[in-house]
Amino acid sequence: MAKLRVTWIKSDIGYAKEQKRTLRALGVHRLYDTVEHEDSPCIRGMIAKVSHLVKAEVIGDGPE
C-alpha cells in the first residue's frame, strides 16, 4: 500500500486555528518536521486543507 510523506514547510502563524489543529492531527510538531502516513481519504483530506503549509509526496506505491 502507498504511503504519504508529509513535511511542514510554512509557518502556521496568522492562519485559522482549524488549520493549526489539522497540522497537529497530521502529527507534525515543528517547522520542517516530516511524518509518514498510510494513504487514505482521511489523510488526503487533511493534506488538502493545509496544502499551502505542507509538502506531500507519495512513496512506495508499488505492490508489496
N, C-alpha and C. Protein backbone atom coordinates (compact mmCIF):
# COMPACT_ATOMS: atom_id res chain seq x y z
N MET A 1 0.83 -1.19 0.00
CA MET A 1 0.00 0.00 0.00
C MET A 1 0.87 1.25 0.00
N ALA A 2 0.42 2.27 -0.66
CA ALA A 2 1.18 3.50 -0.77
C ALA A 2 1.22 4.24 0.56
N LYS A 3 2.28 4.98 0.74
CA LYS A 3 2.42 5.83 1.92
C LYS A 3 2.59 7.26 1.45
N LEU A 4 2.27 8.18 2.33
CA LEU A 4 2.44 9.60 2.06
C LEU A 4 3.46 10.16 3.04
N ARG A 5 4.41 10.93 2.54
CA ARG A 5 5.37 11.63 3.39
C ARG A 5 4.95 13.09 3.41
N VAL A 6 4.67 13.60 4.60
CA VAL A 6 4.18 14.97 4.77
C VAL A 6 5.23 15.78 5.51
N THR A 7 5.64 16.92 4.93
CA THR A 7 6.62 17.80 5.53
C THR A 7 6.00 19.17 5.72
N TRP A 8 6.10 19.71 6.92
CA TRP A 8 5.59 21.04 7.23
C TRP A 8 6.62 22.05 6.75
N ILE A 9 6.25 22.91 5.77
CA ILE A 9 7.22 23.80 5.15
C ILE A 9 6.95 25.29 5.34
N LYS A 10 5.79 25.66 5.89
CA LYS A 10 5.48 27.08 6.06
C LYS A 10 4.82 27.26 7.42
N SER A 11 5.17 28.34 8.11
CA SER A 11 4.65 28.60 9.44
C SER A 11 3.14 28.77 9.44
N ASP A 12 2.52 28.36 10.55
CA ASP A 12 1.07 28.49 10.67
C ASP A 12 0.65 29.79 11.36
N ILE A 13 1.58 30.67 11.65
CA ILE A 13 1.26 31.95 12.28
C ILE A 13 0.37 32.75 11.34
N GLY A 14 -0.74 33.24 11.87
CA GLY A 14 -1.66 34.05 11.09
C GLY A 14 -2.74 33.26 10.38
N TYR A 15 -2.74 31.94 10.53
CA TYR A 15 -3.76 31.11 9.92
C TYR A 15 -4.79 30.68 10.96
N ALA A 16 -5.92 30.20 10.51
CA ALA A 16 -7.02 29.82 11.39
C ALA A 16 -6.62 28.69 12.34
N LYS A 17 -7.24 28.66 13.52
CA LYS A 17 -6.96 27.62 14.50
C LYS A 17 -7.27 26.24 13.95
N GLU A 18 -8.28 26.15 13.10
CA GLU A 18 -8.64 24.86 12.49
C GLU A 18 -7.47 24.30 11.69
N GLN A 19 -6.76 25.17 10.98
CA GLN A 19 -5.61 24.71 10.19
C GLN A 19 -4.46 24.30 11.10
N LYS A 20 -4.27 25.01 12.22
CA LYS A 20 -3.23 24.63 13.18
C LYS A 20 -3.55 23.27 13.79
N ARG A 21 -4.82 23.03 14.11
CA ARG A 21 -5.22 21.74 14.66
C ARG A 21 -5.04 20.62 13.64
N THR A 22 -5.27 20.93 12.37
CA THR A 22 -5.09 19.92 11.32
C THR A 22 -3.62 19.53 11.22
N LEU A 23 -2.71 20.50 11.33
CA LEU A 23 -1.28 20.18 11.31
C LEU A 23 -0.93 19.26 12.46
N ARG A 24 -1.45 19.55 13.66
CA ARG A 24 -1.16 18.70 14.81
C ARG A 24 -1.75 17.30 14.62
N ALA A 25 -2.94 17.23 14.02
CA ALA A 25 -3.58 15.94 13.78
C ALA A 25 -2.77 15.11 12.78
N LEU A 26 -2.09 15.77 11.87
CA LEU A 26 -1.22 15.06 10.93
C LEU A 26 0.02 14.52 11.63
N GLY A 27 0.35 15.08 12.79
CA GLY A 27 1.48 14.57 13.56
C GLY A 27 2.75 15.39 13.46
N VAL A 28 2.71 16.52 12.78
CA VAL A 28 3.91 17.36 12.73
C VAL A 28 3.90 18.29 13.94
N HIS A 29 5.08 18.49 14.53
CA HIS A 29 5.18 19.28 15.76
C HIS A 29 5.90 20.59 15.56
N ARG A 30 6.82 20.63 14.63
CA ARG A 30 7.57 21.87 14.41
C ARG A 30 7.87 22.02 12.92
N LEU A 31 8.23 23.20 12.53
CA LEU A 31 8.52 23.51 11.13
C LEU A 31 9.61 22.57 10.60
N TYR A 32 9.44 22.10 9.40
CA TYR A 32 10.34 21.17 8.69
C TYR A 32 10.32 19.76 9.29
N ASP A 33 9.35 19.48 10.13
CA ASP A 33 9.15 18.13 10.66
C ASP A 33 8.50 17.28 9.56
N THR A 34 8.86 16.00 9.48
CA THR A 34 8.33 15.10 8.46
C THR A 34 7.72 13.87 9.12
N VAL A 35 6.55 13.48 8.64
CA VAL A 35 5.88 12.27 9.12
C VAL A 35 5.41 11.46 7.93
N GLU A 36 5.19 10.16 8.16
CA GLU A 36 4.68 9.29 7.11
C GLU A 36 3.35 8.69 7.57
N HIS A 37 2.39 8.62 6.63
CA HIS A 37 1.07 8.06 6.90
C HIS A 37 0.70 7.11 5.78
N GLU A 38 -0.14 6.12 6.11
CA GLU A 38 -0.73 5.28 5.07
C GLU A 38 -1.66 6.15 4.24
N ASP A 39 -1.69 5.92 2.94
CA ASP A 39 -2.54 6.69 2.04
C ASP A 39 -4.00 6.33 2.29
N SER A 40 -4.80 7.32 2.67
CA SER A 40 -6.23 7.11 2.90
C SER A 40 -6.98 8.40 2.59
N PRO A 41 -8.27 8.31 2.33
CA PRO A 41 -9.05 9.52 2.04
C PRO A 41 -9.01 10.54 3.18
N CYS A 42 -8.97 10.07 4.42
CA CYS A 42 -8.93 10.98 5.58
C CYS A 42 -7.65 11.81 5.57
N ILE A 43 -6.53 11.14 5.38
CA ILE A 43 -5.24 11.83 5.36
C ILE A 43 -5.16 12.77 4.16
N ARG A 44 -5.64 12.32 3.00
CA ARG A 44 -5.65 13.18 1.82
C ARG A 44 -6.47 14.44 2.06
N GLY A 45 -7.60 14.30 2.76
CA GLY A 45 -8.45 15.45 3.07
C GLY A 45 -7.74 16.44 3.99
N MET A 46 -7.04 15.92 5.00
CA MET A 46 -6.30 16.81 5.91
C MET A 46 -5.19 17.54 5.17
N ILE A 47 -4.51 16.82 4.28
CA ILE A 47 -3.44 17.46 3.50
C ILE A 47 -4.02 18.54 2.60
N ALA A 48 -5.18 18.29 2.03
CA ALA A 48 -5.82 19.29 1.15
C ALA A 48 -6.17 20.56 1.92
N LYS A 49 -6.57 20.44 3.19
CA LYS A 49 -6.93 21.60 4.00
C LYS A 49 -5.73 22.49 4.29
N VAL A 50 -4.55 21.90 4.39
CA VAL A 50 -3.36 22.69 4.72
C VAL A 50 -2.30 22.57 3.62
N SER A 51 -2.74 22.39 2.39
CA SER A 51 -1.80 22.17 1.28
C SER A 51 -0.85 23.35 1.07
N HIS A 52 -1.25 24.54 1.50
CA HIS A 52 -0.40 25.71 1.37
C HIS A 52 0.68 25.76 2.45
N LEU A 53 0.60 24.88 3.45
CA LEU A 53 1.56 24.85 4.55
C LEU A 53 2.45 23.61 4.54
N VAL A 54 2.09 22.60 3.77
CA VAL A 54 2.84 21.34 3.78
C VAL A 54 3.23 20.92 2.37
N LYS A 55 4.20 20.01 2.32
CA LYS A 55 4.57 19.35 1.07
C LYS A 55 4.30 17.87 1.26
N ALA A 56 3.57 17.27 0.34
CA ALA A 56 3.23 15.85 0.45
C ALA A 56 3.78 15.11 -0.76
N GLU A 57 4.36 13.92 -0.50
CA GLU A 57 4.89 13.08 -1.57
C GLU A 57 4.40 11.66 -1.36
N VAL A 58 4.13 10.99 -2.47
CA VAL A 58 3.74 9.58 -2.41
C VAL A 58 5.01 8.75 -2.45
N ILE A 59 5.13 7.80 -1.53
CA ILE A 59 6.30 6.92 -1.51
C ILE A 59 5.83 5.48 -1.48
N GLY A 60 6.56 4.62 -2.10
CA GLY A 60 6.28 3.19 -2.08
C GLY A 60 4.92 2.81 -2.60
N ASP A 61 4.58 3.28 -3.83
CA ASP A 61 3.25 2.97 -4.36
C ASP A 61 3.21 1.66 -5.13
N GLY A 62 4.27 0.88 -5.12
CA GLY A 62 4.28 -0.41 -5.80
C GLY A 62 3.66 -1.50 -4.94
N PRO A 63 3.37 -2.67 -5.53
CA PRO A 63 2.80 -3.76 -4.74
C PRO A 63 3.84 -4.34 -3.79
N GLU A 64 3.37 -4.78 -2.64
CA GLU A 64 4.30 -5.32 -1.63
C GLU A 64 4.35 -6.81 -1.66
